């Protein structure tokens, strides 16, 4: 690990590795700092990823690390604990200092934040232990795997009725567990009934498992409803604490009036409100699938390279203007730092 890079990427999952890949292929010096905690780690497979459908997340990211390494990208295991701005070089005013949990301090011309998000789960005993297996959240990511099974849907927000309808498209045997009657109005109730979804109102006391296999749920009444799968919505919180030194914070994400998480705000190419800092993946888009996160990482990486191209041009022009020669910026690229 050197002291300075063109780009430091925070996070080594789909978004971060995709950004690193396009930057490496553009001959930029890149360091990826990966804490090894991808959001989809509990899942058996990553789905809707064309060409790699169903690949285990760990395998997908192992392949990705090998691919970026072929272009000179360095990947280090660790966590970024602090970031700050520094004076850039010459005409480029942008620069950053990054502190790792190992104590190492590294600088870069640009940052790509692909640190992902954390799923905050409903507080139901036994639910967390089944997360990513018997307890699922996304009908697109996990629906095919639970098709035609006995599916329960834990309704903990006003959007829970729609969640139940999504899973109803996958099975004729769906039960909506409405934890609070105020969450579902008469129109939503009528829609659930019209689609043949059973409605159980009242608290869910715990999720029941036999070994690693989900068995059902126990209601507050003590009754047990047997299930093969349980769908539950999480609150998706962006991992951004290490960006406080830059003044970057995650903003609440709303669906209607319902808060479902937090995320960094970015423009169409992933640029944040801080010049030189880009973000991609679930840290900026909580509902993005793996392939969407990879696409966002590619887009952000391309934008970073374009940004650096302009900075290199400014340096070359400034050098030519002071008599340093038009070739002053010709070395920009992998060793330009």
Protein backbone atom coordinates (compact mmCIF):
# COMPACT_ATOMS: atom_id res chain seq x y z
CA UNK A 1 0.00 0.00 0.00
CA UNK A 2 1.49 3.31 -1.09
CA UNK A 3 0.94 6.67 0.58
CA UNK A 4 -1.04 8.37 -2.19
CA UNK A 5 -3.49 7.31 -4.91
CA UNK A 6 -5.57 8.87 -7.60
CA UNK A 7 -8.68 7.32 -6.04
CA UNK A 8 -9.58 5.58 -2.79
CA UNK A 9 -12.73 3.45 -2.89
CA UNK A 10 -14.50 2.77 0.40
CA UNK A 11 -16.13 -0.66 0.06
CA UNK A 12 -15.36 -3.77 -1.96
CA UNK A 13 -18.74 -5.13 -3.00
CA UNK A 14 -20.59 -4.65 -6.30
CA UNK A 15 -20.50 -0.85 -6.46
CA UNK A 16 -16.97 -0.38 -5.14
CA UNK A 17 -15.35 -3.07 -7.27
CA UNK A 18 -17.17 -1.87 -10.39
CA UNK A 19 -15.89 1.66 -9.81
CA UNK A 20 -12.40 0.30 -9.22
CA UNK A 21 -12.53 -1.80 -12.38
CA UNK A 22 -13.27 1.06 -14.76
CA UNK A 23 -10.73 3.28 -12.99
CA UNK A 24 -8.06 0.59 -13.11
CA UNK A 25 -8.69 0.05 -16.80
CA UNK A 26 -8.24 3.82 -17.21
CA UNK A 27 -4.76 3.48 -15.66
CA UNK A 28 -5.64 5.26 -12.43
CA UNK A 29 -3.93 4.28 -9.20
CA UNK A 30 -6.73 2.90 -7.01
CA UNK A 31 -6.96 1.58 -3.47
CA UNK A 32 -10.09 -0.32 -2.38
CA UNK A 33 -10.59 -0.52 1.39
CA UNK A 34 -12.96 -3.40 2.13
CA UNK A 35 -14.36 -4.23 5.58
CA UNK A 36 -15.73 -7.53 4.24
CA UNK A 37 -19.32 -6.81 5.32
CA UNK A 38 -21.48 -6.70 2.18
CA UNK A 39 -25.17 -6.17 2.87
CA UNK A 40 -26.10 -9.37 1.03
CA UNK A 41 -23.62 -11.59 2.90
CA UNK A 42 -26.39 -13.70 4.54
CA UNK A 43 -27.95 -14.55 1.17
CA UNK A 44 -27.15 -17.82 -0.59
CA UNK A 45 -27.12 -16.18 -3.99
CA UNK A 46 -27.21 -12.83 -5.78
CA UNK A 47 -30.13 -12.76 -8.19
CA UNK A 48 -31.10 -10.75 -11.28
CA UNK A 49 -27.39 -10.28 -12.03
CA UNK A 50 -27.26 -11.06 -15.74
CA UNK A 51 -24.50 -13.54 -16.55
CA UNK A 52 -23.94 -14.43 -12.88
CA UNK A 53 -27.50 -15.30 -11.81
CA UNK A 54 -27.56 -17.01 -8.42
CA UNK A 55 -23.83 -16.64 -7.72
CA UNK A 56 -23.01 -16.65 -3.99
CA UNK A 57 -22.10 -13.08 -2.96
CA UNK A 58 -18.74 -14.17 -1.56
CA UNK A 59 -17.87 -15.85 -4.87
CA UNK A 60 -19.05 -12.85 -6.90
CA UNK A 61 -16.83 -10.47 -4.94
CA UNK A 62 -13.86 -12.86 -4.97
CA UNK A 63 -14.03 -12.91 -8.76
CA UNK A 64 -14.35 -9.12 -8.76
CA UNK A 65 -11.25 -8.69 -6.61
CA UNK A 66 -9.28 -10.91 -8.99
CA UNK A 67 -10.53 -8.90 -11.97
CA UNK A 68 -9.58 -5.49 -10.56
CA UNK A 69 -6.18 -6.81 -9.46
CA UNK A 70 -5.43 -7.61 -13.10
CA UNK A 71 -5.51 -3.86 -13.76
CA UNK A 72 -3.28 -2.89 -10.86
CA UNK A 73 -6.00 -2.02 -8.36
CA UNK A 74 -4.97 -2.69 -4.76
CA UNK A 75 -7.50 -4.13 -2.32
CA UNK A 76 -6.79 -3.99 1.40
CA UNK A 77 -8.88 -5.55 4.16
CA UNK A 78 -9.87 -2.93 6.70
CA UNK A 79 -12.23 -0.13 7.57
CA UNK A 80 -12.00 3.60 7.00
CA UNK A 81 -12.55 5.31 10.34
CA UNK A 82 -11.99 8.97 9.42
CA UNK A 83 -11.76 11.23 6.38
CA UNK A 84 -10.71 14.84 5.92
CA UNK A 85 -9.86 17.27 3.14
CA UNK A 86 -6.32 18.32 2.30
CA UNK A 87 -4.89 20.78 -0.18
CA UNK A 88 -4.68 19.28 -3.65
CA UNK A 89 -1.71 19.39 -6.00
CA UNK A 90 -1.14 22.45 -8.21
CA UNK A 91 -4.24 23.61 -10.09
CA UNK A 92 -6.33 20.76 -8.63
CA UNK A 93 -7.62 22.02 -5.24
CA UNK A 94 -9.19 18.71 -4.26
CA UNK A 95 -7.52 16.15 -2.01
CA UNK A 96 -8.41 13.81 0.81
CA UNK A 97 -6.80 12.08 3.77
CA UNK A 98 -8.17 8.71 4.88
CA UNK A 99 -7.42 6.96 8.17
CA UNK A 100 -7.81 3.18 8.35
CA UNK A 101 -8.58 1.15 11.44
CA UNK A 102 -5.01 -0.13 11.29
CA UNK A 103 -3.82 3.41 11.95
CA UNK A 104 -2.48 3.85 8.41
CA UNK A 105 -3.13 7.24 6.79
CA UNK A 106 -3.44 7.39 3.00
CA UNK A 107 -4.22 10.31 0.71
CA UNK A 108 -6.01 10.51 -2.61
CA UNK A 109 -7.17 12.96 -5.23
CA UNK A 110 -10.74 11.61 -5.22
CA UNK A 111 -12.96 9.36 -3.10
CA UNK A 112 -15.64 6.88 -4.12
CA UNK A 113 -17.95 5.93 -1.25
CA UNK A 114 -19.39 2.45 -1.76
CA UNK A 115 -19.65 1.48 1.90
CA UNK A 116 -23.17 0.12 1.57
CA UNK A 117 -25.89 0.04 4.17
CA UNK A 118 -27.07 -1.88 7.22
CA UNK A 119 -30.49 -3.52 7.51
CA UNK A 120 -32.14 -2.59 10.81
CA UNK A 121 -34.66 -5.37 11.39
CA UNK A 122 -38.03 -5.42 13.15
CA UNK A 123 -37.53 -6.31 16.80
CA UNK A 124 -39.09 -9.76 16.77
CA UNK A 125 -37.21 -12.51 18.63
CA UNK A 126 -35.85 -15.13 16.26
CA UNK A 127 -36.15 -12.98 13.15
CA UNK A 128 -32.53 -11.86 12.87
CA UNK A 129 -31.28 -15.45 13.08
CA UNK A 130 -33.23 -16.29 9.90
CA UNK A 131 -32.40 -13.10 7.98
CA UNK A 132 -31.38 -13.93 4.42
CA UNK A 133 -32.62 -17.51 4.71
CA UNK A 134 -36.12 -18.20 6.02
CA UNK A 135 -36.75 -14.47 6.50
CA UNK A 136 -36.53 -12.49 3.26
CA UNK A 137 -37.32 -8.92 2.28
CA UNK A 138 -37.29 -8.49 -1.50
CA UNK A 139 -39.67 -10.32 -3.85
CA UNK A 140 -37.26 -9.72 -6.74
CA UNK A 141 -34.18 -10.96 -4.86
CA UNK A 142 -35.77 -13.95 -3.12
CA UNK A 143 -39.26 -14.43 -4.52
CA UNK A 144 -38.50 -17.21 -6.97
CA UNK A 145 -36.86 -19.25 -4.22
CA UNK A 146 -40.04 -19.18 -2.08
CA UNK A 147 -42.58 -19.52 -4.88
CA UNK A 148 -45.63 -21.70 -4.19
CA UNK A 149 -44.70 -21.96 -0.51
CA UNK A 150 -46.51 -20.85 2.64
CA UNK A 151 -45.37 -17.23 2.86
CA UNK A 152 -46.03 -14.87 5.73
CA UNK A 153 -45.59 -11.11 5.41
CA UNK A 154 -44.85 -9.09 8.52
CA UNK A 155 -46.71 -5.79 8.13
CA UNK A 156 -44.90 -3.20 10.26
CA UNK A 157 -45.36 -0.09 8.08
CA UNK A 158 -48.18 1.40 5.97
CA UNK A 159 -46.40 0.01 2.91
CA UNK A 160 -46.67 -3.52 4.25
CA UNK A 161 -49.92 -4.25 2.39
CA UNK A 162 -48.18 -3.62 -0.94
CA UNK A 163 -45.35 -5.88 0.21
CA UNK A 164 -47.90 -8.65 0.77
CA UNK A 165 -49.39 -8.14 -2.69
CA UNK A 166 -45.94 -8.48 -4.25
CA UNK A 167 -45.45 -11.86 -2.61
CA UNK A 168 -48.99 -12.91 -3.53
CA UNK A 169 -47.85 -12.90 -7.15
CA UNK A 170 -45.49 -15.74 -6.18
CA UNK A 171 -47.75 -17.98 -4.13
CA UNK A 172 -51.42 -18.71 -3.53
CA UNK A 173 -50.70 -19.21 0.19
CA UNK A 174 -49.89 -15.82 1.71
CA UNK A 175 -50.70 -14.54 5.20
CA UNK A 176 -50.35 -10.88 6.19
CA UNK A 177 -49.50 -10.38 9.86
CA UNK A 178 -50.77 -6.87 10.60
CA UNK A 179 -48.98 -5.93 13.81
CA UNK A 180 -51.01 -2.70 14.26
CA UNK A 181 -54.50 -2.21 12.75
CA UNK A 182 -53.71 1.47 12.15
CA UNK A 183 -51.12 0.47 9.55
CA UNK A 184 -53.67 -0.82 7.04
CA UNK A 185 -56.73 1.18 5.98
CA UNK A 186 -60.01 -0.24 4.70
CA UNK A 187 -58.97 0.08 1.05
CA UNK A 188 -55.75 -1.88 1.66
CA UNK A 189 -57.64 -4.50 3.65
CA UNK A 190 -60.15 -4.90 0.83
CA UNK A 191 -57.31 -5.36 -1.64
CA UNK A 192 -55.64 -8.04 0.48
CA UNK A 193 -58.93 -9.88 0.85
CA UNK A 194 -59.69 -9.62 -2.87
CA UNK A 195 -56.35 -11.29 -3.64
CA UNK A 196 -57.04 -14.14 -1.23
CA UNK A 197 -54.45 -13.08 1.34
CA UNK A 198 -55.26 -14.16 4.88
CA UNK A 199 -55.09 -11.35 7.43
CA UNK A 200 -53.97 -11.92 11.01
CA UNK A 201 -54.12 -8.85 13.23
CA UNK A 202 -52.04 -8.49 16.37
CA UNK A 203 -48.45 -8.78 17.54
CA UNK A 204 -46.05 -11.50 16.41
CA UNK A 205 -44.27 -12.76 19.51
CA UNK A 206 -41.41 -14.59 17.83
CA UNK A 207 -40.16 -16.38 14.75
CA UNK A 208 -39.89 -20.14 15.17
CA UNK A 209 -37.12 -22.28 13.71
CA UNK A 210 -36.03 -25.89 13.82
CA UNK A 211 -32.28 -25.80 13.48
CA UNK A 212 -31.58 -23.52 10.52
CA UNK A 213 -35.05 -23.96 9.01
CA UNK A 214 -37.86 -21.49 9.60
CA UNK A 215 -40.97 -23.23 10.94
CA UNK A 216 -43.43 -20.38 11.42
CA UNK A 217 -44.38 -17.62 13.83
CA UNK A 218 -45.87 -17.57 17.29
CA UNK A 219 -48.54 -14.93 17.80
CA UNK A 220 -49.08 -12.85 20.89
CA UNK A 221 -52.01 -15.12 21.69
CA UNK A 222 -49.69 -18.12 21.80
CA UNK A 223 -51.10 -19.59 18.59
CA UNK A 224 -48.59 -20.84 16.02
CA UNK A 225 -48.90 -20.25 12.28
CA UNK A 226 -46.75 -22.62 10.26
CA UNK A 227 -44.82 -21.04 7.40
CA UNK A 228 -42.08 -21.87 4.92
CA UNK A 229 -40.91 -18.26 4.55
CA UNK A 230 -41.49 -14.90 6.21
CA UNK A 231 -41.11 -11.57 4.43
CA UNK A 232 -40.16 -8.59 6.58
CA UNK A 233 -39.14 -5.07 5.62
CA UNK A 234 -35.99 -3.57 7.12
CA UNK A 235 -34.93 0.02 7.61
CA UNK A 236 -31.85 0.55 5.43
CA UNK A 237 -29.30 2.85 7.05
CA UNK A 238 -26.31 4.10 5.03
CA UNK A 239 -22.83 3.44 6.44
CA UNK A 240 -21.46 6.99 6.48
CA UNK A 241 -20.12 7.68 9.97
CA UNK A 242 -16.55 7.85 8.68
CA UNK A 243 -17.49 10.80 6.44
CA UNK A 244 -18.31 13.21 9.28
CA UNK A 245 -14.95 14.97 8.80
CA UNK A 246 -16.12 15.97 5.33
CA UNK A 247 -19.49 17.22 6.55
CA UNK A 248 -21.33 14.49 4.66
CA UNK A 249 -24.37 12.94 6.35
CA UNK A 250 -27.08 10.58 5.17
CA UNK A 251 -30.54 12.01 4.61
CA UNK A 252 -33.86 10.34 5.39
CA UNK A 253 -35.45 8.38 2.55
CA UNK A 254 -39.23 8.47 2.36
CA UNK A 255 -41.84 6.42 0.54
CA UNK A 256 -44.83 8.68 0.80
CA UNK A 257 -44.75 9.76 4.43
CA UNK A 258 -42.96 6.63 5.60
CA UNK A 259 -39.25 6.69 6.35
CA UNK A 260 -37.56 3.51 5.08
CA UNK A 261 -33.91 4.41 5.56
CA UNK A 262 -31.15 6.91 4.90
CA UNK A 263 -28.77 7.60 2.05
CA UNK A 264 -26.21 10.04 0.70
CA UNK A 265 -27.62 12.44 -1.86
CA UNK A 266 -25.87 12.30 -5.23
CA UNK A 267 -26.37 13.70 -8.70
CA UNK A 268 -26.88 11.71 -11.89
CA UNK A 269 -23.24 10.54 -12.03
CA UNK A 270 -22.79 9.91 -8.31
CA UNK A 271 -21.21 13.22 -7.26
CA UNK A 272 -22.06 14.16 -3.65
CA UNK A 273 -22.33 17.69 -2.27
CA UNK A 274 -18.60 17.59 -1.48
CA UNK A 275 -16.39 18.30 -4.49
CA UNK A 276 -14.37 15.22 -5.41
CA UNK A 277 -16.43 12.74 -3.39
CA UNK A 278 -18.65 10.33 -5.31
CA UNK A 279 -20.99 7.62 -3.99
CA UNK A 280 -22.62 4.53 -5.47
CA UNK A 281 -24.59 1.48 -4.39
CA UNK A 282 -26.85 1.12 -1.37
CA UNK A 283 -25.10 3.98 0.45
CA UNK A 284 -26.74 6.28 -2.10
CA UNK A 285 -29.69 4.11 -3.25
CA UNK A 286 -31.09 1.85 -0.50
CA UNK A 287 -33.36 -0.12 -2.84
CA UNK A 288 -30.75 -0.81 -5.54
CA UNK A 289 -30.21 -4.47 -6.42
CA UNK A 290 -26.72 -5.90 -6.90
CA UNK A 291 -26.66 -5.28 -10.64
CA UNK A 292 -27.98 -1.73 -10.18
CA UNK A 293 -25.27 -1.06 -7.60
CA UNK A 294 -22.63 -2.40 -9.99
CA UNK A 295 -23.95 -0.12 -12.75
CA UNK A 296 -23.89 2.89 -10.42
CA UNK A 297 -20.32 2.06 -9.44
CA UNK A 298 -19.28 1.92 -13.10
CA UNK A 299 -20.95 5.27 -13.74
CA UNK A 300 -19.33 6.89 -10.71
CA UNK A 301 -15.93 5.49 -11.63
CA UNK A 302 -16.23 6.86 -15.15
CA UNK A 303 -17.23 10.26 -13.78
CA UNK A 304 -14.22 10.28 -11.44
CA UNK A 305 -11.88 9.50 -14.33
CA UNK A 306 -13.42 12.32 -16.37
CA UNK A 307 -13.00 14.66 -13.41
CA UNK A 308 -9.33 13.72 -13.12
CA UNK A 309 -8.81 14.11 -16.86
CA UNK A 310 -9.93 17.72 -16.56
CA UNK A 311 -7.69 18.26 -13.52
CA UNK A 312 -4.73 16.78 -15.44
CA UNK A 313 -5.50 19.07 -18.37
CA UNK A 314 -5.58 22.11 -16.08
CA UNK A 315 -2.21 21.09 -14.66
CA UNK A 316 -0.74 20.69 -18.15
CA UNK A 317 -2.05 24.07 -19.27
CA UNK A 318 -0.77 25.74 -16.12
CA UNK A 319 2.64 24.14 -16.67
CA UNK A 320 2.73 25.32 -20.27
CA UNK A 321 1.78 28.81 -19.20
CA UNK A 322 4.69 29.05 -16.76
CA UNK A 323 7.21 27.69 -19.21
CA UNK A 324 7.28 24.19 -17.74
CA UNK A 325 6.33 22.76 -21.12
CA UNK A 326 3.15 21.29 -22.49
CA UNK A 327 4.24 17.82 -21.42
CA UNK A 328 3.99 18.64 -17.69
CA UNK A 329 0.82 16.61 -17.33
CA UNK A 330 1.75 13.80 -19.67
CA UNK A 331 2.47 11.39 -16.85
CA UNK A 332 -1.05 11.59 -15.46
CA UNK A 333 -2.42 8.17 -14.78
CA UNK A 334 -1.32 5.22 -12.71
CA UNK A 335 1.83 6.95 -11.38
CA UNK A 336 0.59 10.51 -11.63
CA UNK A 337 0.10 10.75 -7.88
